[in-house]
Amino acid sequence: MTVEQLQVEIDALPESDFARLRQWFIDRDWERWDRQLEIDVAAGKLDFLLDEAASAKAQSLLREL
């Protein structure tokens, strides 16, 4: 099935089924995002953020929230 075929089928859904599909899609999107974030953290790809925060703290550039 192609994306175009899926789009036609989705457009034909009753509103309640469309809402269920939308929620399912949102949930899967967040799950994929979470998995990718975990992979990136484990690989050290976000370590630069810790370095930036440590540098800002050392320079007293942070403020309490």
PDB file of N, CA and C in Angstrom:
ATOM      1  N   MET A   1       0.855  -1.176   0.000  1.00  0.00           N
ATOM      2  CA  MET A   1       0.000   0.000   0.000  1.00  0.00           C
ATOM      3  C   MET A   1       0.902   1.241   0.000  1.00  0.00           C
ATOM      4  N   THR A   2       0.556   2.221  -0.802  1.00  0.00           N
ATOM      5  CA  THR A   2       1.348   3.443  -0.891  1.00  0.00           C
ATOM      6  C   THR A   2       0.839   4.486   0.116  1.00  0.00           C
ATOM      7  N   VAL A   3       1.639   5.489   0.335  1.00  0.00           N
ATOM      8  CA  VAL A   3       1.229   6.580   1.214  1.00  0.00           C
ATOM      9  C   VAL A   3      -0.032   7.244   0.666  1.00  0.00           C
ATOM     10  N   GLU A   4      -0.087   7.401  -0.633  1.00  0.00           N
ATOM     11  CA  GLU A   4      -1.252   8.027  -1.246  1.00  0.00           C
ATOM     12  C   GLU A   4      -2.512   7.204  -0.985  1.00  0.00           C
ATOM     13  N   GLN A   5      -2.409   5.883  -1.060  1.00  0.00           N
ATOM     14  CA  GLN A   5      -3.544   5.012  -0.775  1.00  0.00           C
ATOM     15  C   GLN A   5      -3.958   5.132   0.692  1.00  0.00           C
ATOM     16  N   LEU A   6      -2.974   5.187   1.566  1.00  0.00           N
ATOM     17  CA  LEU A   6      -3.272   5.365   2.987  1.00  0.00           C
ATOM     18  C   LEU A   6      -3.992   6.683   3.233  1.00  0.00           C
ATOM     19  N   GLN A   7      -3.540   7.728   2.560  1.00  0.00           N
ATOM     20  CA  GLN A   7      -4.178   9.033   2.730  1.00  0.00           C
ATOM     21  C   GLN A   7      -5.644   8.991   2.314  1.00  0.00           C
ATOM     22  N   VAL A   8      -5.941   8.315   1.223  1.00  0.00           N
ATOM     23  CA  VAL A   8      -7.323   8.193   0.762  1.00  0.00           C
ATOM     24  C   VAL A   8      -8.144   7.442   1.801  1.00  0.00           C
ATOM     25  N   GLU A   9      -7.588   6.355   2.314  1.00  0.00           N
ATOM     26  CA  GLU A   9      -8.296   5.559   3.319  1.00  0.00           C
ATOM     27  C   GLU A   9      -8.516   6.364   4.602  1.00  0.00           C
ATOM     28  N   ILE A  10      -7.515   7.112   5.008  1.00  0.00           N
ATOM     29  CA  ILE A  10      -7.637   7.923   6.220  1.00  0.00           C
ATOM     30  C   ILE A  10      -8.705   9.000   6.037  1.00  0.00           C
ATOM     31  N   ASP A  11      -8.718   9.636   4.874  1.00  0.00           N
ATOM     32  CA  ASP A  11      -9.729  10.659   4.604  1.00  0.00           C
ATOM     33  C   ASP A  11     -11.149  10.096   4.675  1.00  0.00           C
ATOM     34  N   ALA A  12     -11.293   8.816   4.407  1.00  0.00           N
ATOM     35  CA  ALA A  12     -12.623   8.196   4.392  1.00  0.00           C
ATOM     36  C   ALA A  12     -13.075   7.719   5.771  1.00  0.00           C
ATOM     37  N   LEU A  13     -12.217   7.803   6.760  1.00  0.00           N
ATOM     38  CA  LEU A  13     -12.569   7.314   8.097  1.00  0.00           C
ATOM     39  C   LEU A  13     -13.650   8.173   8.751  1.00  0.00           C
ATOM     40  N   PRO A  14     -14.520   7.530   9.523  1.00  0.00           N
ATOM     41  CA  PRO A  14     -15.441   8.307  10.358  1.00  0.00           C
ATOM     42  C   PRO A  14     -14.636   9.093  11.401  1.00  0.00           C
ATOM     43  N   GLU A  15     -15.204  10.161  11.883  1.00  0.00           N
ATOM     44  CA  GLU A  15     -14.484  11.046  12.804  1.00  0.00           C
ATOM     45  C   GLU A  15     -13.932  10.308  14.020  1.00  0.00           C
ATOM     46  N   SER A  16     -14.713   9.404  14.596  1.00  0.00           N
ATOM     47  CA  SER A  16     -14.244   8.698  15.797  1.00  0.00           C
ATOM     48  C   SER A  16     -13.031   7.819  15.490  1.00  0.00           C
ATOM     49  N   ASP A  17     -13.039   7.142  14.348  1.00  0.00           N
ATOM     50  CA  ASP A  17     -11.885   6.319  13.962  1.00  0.00           C
ATOM     51  C   ASP A  17     -10.681   7.195  13.628  1.00  0.00           C
ATOM     52  N   PHE A  18     -10.934   8.329  12.995  1.00  0.00           N
ATOM     53  CA  PHE A  18      -9.843   9.255  12.693  1.00  0.00           C
ATOM     54  C   PHE A  18      -9.194   9.744  13.985  1.00  0.00           C
ATOM     55  N   ALA A  19     -10.001  10.049  14.984  1.00  0.00           N
ATOM     56  CA  ALA A  19      -9.465  10.511  16.272  1.00  0.00           C
ATOM     57  C   ALA A  19      -8.622   9.422  16.923  1.00  0.00           C
ATOM     58  N   ARG A  20      -9.087   8.180  16.867  1.00  0.00           N
ATOM     59  CA  ARG A  20      -8.312   7.065  17.422  1.00  0.00           C
ATOM     60  C   ARG A  20      -6.998   6.900  16.684  1.00  0.00           C
ATOM     61  N   LEU A  21      -7.032   7.002  15.360  1.00  0.00           N
ATOM     62  CA  LEU A  21      -5.818   6.876  14.551  1.00  0.00           C
ATOM     63  C   LEU A  21      -4.849   8.013  14.857  1.00  0.00           C
ATOM     64  N   ARG A  22      -5.387   9.215  14.989  1.00  0.00           N
ATOM     65  CA  ARG A  22      -4.547  10.375  15.294  1.00  0.00           C
ATOM     66  C   ARG A  22      -3.833  10.169  16.623  1.00  0.00           C
ATOM     67  N   GLN A  23      -4.545   9.701  17.637  1.00  0.00           N
ATOM     68  CA  GLN A  23      -3.926   9.466  18.940  1.00  0.00           C
ATOM     69  C   GLN A  23      -2.884   8.355  18.855  1.00  0.00           C
ATOM     70  N   TRP A  24      -3.199   7.312  18.107  1.00  0.00           N
ATOM     71  CA  TRP A  24      -2.240   6.218  17.916  1.00  0.00           C
ATOM     72  C   TRP A  24      -0.964   6.742  17.273  1.00  0.00           C
ATOM     73  N   PHE A  25      -1.117   7.592  16.262  1.00  0.00           N
ATOM     74  CA  PHE A  25       0.032   8.142  15.557  1.00  0.00           C
ATOM     75  C   PHE A  25       0.855   9.042  16.477  1.00  0.00           C
ATOM     76  N   ILE A  26       0.200   9.862  17.258  1.00  0.00           N
ATOM     77  CA  ILE A  26       0.891  10.743  18.202  1.00  0.00           C
ATOM     78  C   ILE A  26       1.690   9.911  19.205  1.00  0.00           C
ATOM     79  N   ASP A  27       1.059   8.864  19.732  1.00  0.00           N
ATOM     80  CA  ASP A  27       1.743   7.995  20.693  1.00  0.00           C
ATOM     81  C   ASP A  27       2.971   7.345  20.082  1.00  0.00           C
ATOM     82  N   ARG A  28       2.853   6.840  18.862  1.00  0.00           N
ATOM     83  CA  ARG A  28       3.995   6.197  18.197  1.00  0.00           C
ATOM     84  C   ARG A  28       5.093   7.208  17.919  1.00  0.00           C
ATOM     85  N   ASP A  29       4.717   8.403  17.550  1.00  0.00           N
ATOM     86  CA  ASP A  29       5.707   9.446  17.269  1.00  0.00           C
ATOM     87  C   ASP A  29       6.523   9.753  18.522  1.00  0.00           C
ATOM     88  N   TRP A  30       5.836   9.913  19.665  1.00  0.00           N
ATOM     89  CA  TRP A  30       6.550  10.178  20.917  1.00  0.00           C
ATOM     90  C   TRP A  30       7.427   8.997  21.316  1.00  0.00           C
ATOM     91  N   GLU A  31       6.961   7.767  21.108  1.00  0.00           N
ATOM     92  CA  GLU A  31       7.767   6.584  21.434  1.00  0.00           C
ATOM     93  C   GLU A  31       9.046   6.556  20.612  1.00  0.00           C
ATOM     94  N   ARG A  32       8.935   6.859  19.332  1.00  0.00           N
ATOM     95  CA  ARG A  32      10.129   6.900  18.473  1.00  0.00           C
ATOM     96  C   ARG A  32      11.073   8.015  18.912  1.00  0.00           C
ATOM     97  N   TRP A  33      10.505   9.159  19.256  1.00  0.00           N
ATOM     98  CA  TRP A  33      11.324  10.285  19.705  1.00  0.00           C
ATOM     99  C   TRP A  33      12.069   9.899  20.984  1.00  0.00           C
ATOM    100  N   ASP A  34      11.364   9.270  21.917  1.00  0.00           N
ATOM    101  CA  ASP A  34      11.992   8.835  23.172  1.00  0.00           C
ATOM    102  C   ASP A  34      13.123   7.850  22.914  1.00  0.00           C
ATOM    103  N   ARG A  35      12.877   6.871  22.032  1.00  0.00           N
ATOM    104  CA  ARG A  35      13.922   5.886  21.724  1.00  0.00           C
ATOM    105  C   ARG A  35      15.139   6.567  21.112  1.00  0.00           C
ATOM    106  N   GLN A  36      14.901   7.493  20.184  1.00  0.00           N
ATOM    107  CA  GLN A  36      16.025   8.174  19.546  1.00  0.00           C
ATOM    108  C   GLN A  36      16.786   9.028  20.557  1.00  0.00           C
ATOM    109  N   LEU A  37      16.079   9.678  21.461  1.00  0.00           N
ATOM    110  CA  LEU A  37      16.732  10.477  22.494  1.00  0.00           C
ATOM    111  C   LEU A  37      17.606   9.593  23.370  1.00  0.00           C
ATOM    112  N   GLU A  38      17.086   8.428  23.771  1.00  0.00           N
ATOM    113  CA  GLU A  38      17.876   7.503  24.587  1.00  0.00           C
ATOM    114  C   GLU A  38      19.134   7.056  23.853  1.00  0.00           C
ATOM    115  N   ILE A  39      19.018   6.778  22.573  1.00  0.00           N
ATOM    116  CA  ILE A  39      20.174   6.369  21.764  1.00  0.00           C
ATOM    117  C   ILE A  39      21.193   7.504  21.700  1.00  0.00           C
ATOM    118  N   ASP A  40      20.714   8.725  21.459  1.00  0.00           N
ATOM    119  CA  ASP A  40      21.614   9.875  21.358  1.00  0.00           C
ATOM    120  C   ASP A  40      22.308  10.161  22.684  1.00  0.00           C
ATOM    121  N   VAL A  41      21.587  10.049  23.789  1.00  0.00           N
ATOM    122  CA  VAL A  41      22.186  10.271  25.108  1.00  0.00           C
ATOM    123  C   VAL A  41      23.256   9.223  25.373  1.00  0.00           C
ATOM    124  N   ALA A  42      22.947   7.955  25.102  1.00  0.00           N
ATOM    125  CA  ALA A  42      23.903   6.874  25.331  1.00  0.00           C
ATOM    126  C   ALA A  42      25.153   7.039  24.475  1.00  0.00           C
ATOM    127  N   ALA A  43      24.992   7.606  23.291  1.00  0.00           N
ATOM    128  CA  ALA A  43      26.122   7.809  22.381  1.00  0.00           C
ATOM    129  C   ALA A  43      26.892   9.085  22.697  1.00  0.00           C
ATOM    130  N   GLY A  44      26.420   9.855  23.671  1.00  0.00           N
ATOM    131  CA  GLY A  44      27.115  11.081  24.042  1.00  0.00           C
ATOM    132  C   GLY A  44      26.841  12.257  23.132  1.00  0.00           C
ATOM    133  N   LYS A  45      25.845  12.132  22.263  1.00  0.00           N
ATOM    134  CA  LYS A  45      25.572  13.207  21.313  1.00  0.00           C
ATOM    135  C   LYS A  45      25.031  14.473  21.970  1.00  0.00           C
ATOM    136  N   LEU A  46      24.561  14.368  23.208  1.00  0.00           N
ATOM    137  CA  LEU A  46      24.007  15.536  23.890  1.00  0.00           C
ATOM    138  C   LEU A  46      24.908  16.035  25.020  1.00  0.00           C
ATOM    139  N   ASP A  47      26.093  15.461  25.102  1.00  0.00           N
ATOM    140  CA  ASP A  47      27.024  15.868  26.153  1.00  0.00           C
ATOM    141  C   ASP A  47      27.367  17.349  26.076  1.00  0.00           C
ATOM    142  N   PHE A  48      27.328  17.904  24.881  1.00  0.00           N
ATOM    143  CA  PHE A  48      27.632  19.321  24.729  1.00  0.00           C
ATOM    144  C   PHE A  48      26.675  20.183  25.546  1.00  0.00           C
ATOM    145  N   LEU A  49      25.452  19.709  25.751  1.00  0.00           N
ATOM    146  CA  LEU A  49      24.499  20.469  26.563  1.00  0.00           C
ATOM    147  C   LEU A  49      24.935  20.510  28.024  1.00  0.00           C
ATOM    148  N   LEU A  50      25.439  19.398  28.520  1.00  0.00           N
ATOM    149  CA  LEU A  50      25.970  19.372  29.887  1.00  0.00           C
ATOM    150  C   LEU A  50      27.172  20.297  30.009  1.00  0.00           C
ATOM    151  N   ASP A  51      28.034  20.271  28.994  1.00  0.00           N
ATOM    152  CA  ASP A  51      29.208  21.142  28.994  1.00  0.00           C
ATOM    153  C   ASP A  51      28.798  22.617  29.001  1.00  0.00           C
ATOM    154  N   GLU A  52      27.795  22.961  28.193  1.00  0.00           N
ATOM    155  CA  GLU A  52      27.317  24.340  28.161  1.00  0.00           C
ATOM    156  C   GLU A  52      26.728  24.757  29.502  1.00  0.00           C
ATOM    157  N   ALA A  53      25.965  23.874  30.115  1.00  0.00           N
ATOM    158  CA  ALA A  53      25.359  24.182  31.413  1.00  0.00           C
ATOM    159  C   ALA A  53      26.427  24.334  32.485  1.00  0.00           C
ATOM    160  N   ALA A  54      27.427  23.459  32.479  1.00  0.00           N
ATOM    161  CA  ALA A  54      28.509  23.544  33.464  1.00  0.00           C
ATOM    162  C   ALA A  54      29.291  24.840  33.280  1.00  0.00           C
ATOM    163  N   SER A  55      29.532  25.211  32.045  1.00  0.00           N
ATOM    164  CA  SER A  55      30.243  26.453  31.758  1.00  0.00           C
ATOM    165  C   SER A  55      29.432  27.666  32.218  1.00  0.00           C
ATOM    166  N   ALA A  56      28.139  27.664  31.933  1.00  0.00           N
ATOM    167  CA  ALA A  56      27.275  28.773  32.350  1.00  0.00           C
ATOM    168  C   ALA A  56      27.220  28.860  33.873  1.00  0.00           C
ATOM    169  N   LYS A  57      27.195  27.715  34.548  1.00  0.00           N
ATOM    170  CA  LYS A  57      27.165  27.709  36.013  1.00  0.00           C
ATOM    171  C   LYS A  57      28.470  28.264  36.571  1.00  0.00           C
ATOM    172  N   ALA A  58      29.586  27.847  35.991  1.00  0.00           N
ATOM    173  CA  ALA A  58      30.896  28.322  36.448  1.00  0.00           C
ATOM    174  C   ALA A  58      31.027  29.838  36.277  1.00  0.00           C
ATOM    175  N   GLN A  59      30.341  30.380  35.286  1.00  0.00           N
ATOM    176  CA  GLN A  59      30.395  31.817  35.022  1.00  0.00           C
ATOM    177  C   GLN A  59      29.261  32.571  35.728  1.00  0.00           C
ATOM    178  N   SER A  60      28.533  31.871  36.574  1.00  0.00           N
ATOM    179  CA  SER A  60      27.405  32.441  37.297  1.00  0.00           C
ATOM    180  C   SER A  60      26.369  33.061  36.362  1.00  0.00           C
ATOM    181  N   LEU A  61      26.138  32.414  35.235  1.00  0.00           N
ATOM    182  CA  LEU A  61      25.164  32.915  34.262  1.00  0.00           C
ATOM    183  C   LEU A  61      23.792  32.291  34.425  1.00  0.00           C
ATOM    184  N   LEU A  62      23.661  31.332  35.339  1.00  0.00           N
ATOM    185  CA  LEU A  62      22.383  30.674  35.561  1.00  0.00           C
ATOM    186  C   LEU A  62      21.605  31.394  36.650  1.00  0.00           C
ATOM    187  N   ARG A  63      20.309  31.300  36.568  1.00  0.00           N
ATOM    188  CA  ARG A  63      19.483  31.885  37.607  1.00  0.00           C
ATOM    189  C   ARG A  63      18.452  30.862  38.054  1.00  0.00           C
ATOM    190  N   GLU A  64      17.971  31.010  39.242  1.00  0.00           N
ATOM    191  CA  GLU A  64      16.957  30.104  39.791  1.00  0.00           C
ATOM    192  C   GLU A  64      15.640  30.301  39.052  1.00  0.00           C
ATOM    193  N   LEU A  65      14.941  29.219  38.883  1.00  0.00           N
ATOM    194  CA  LEU A  65      13.627  29.299  38.242  1.00  0.00           C
ATOM    195  C   LEU A  65      12.551  29.493  39.272  1.00  0.00           C
TER     196      LEU A  65
END
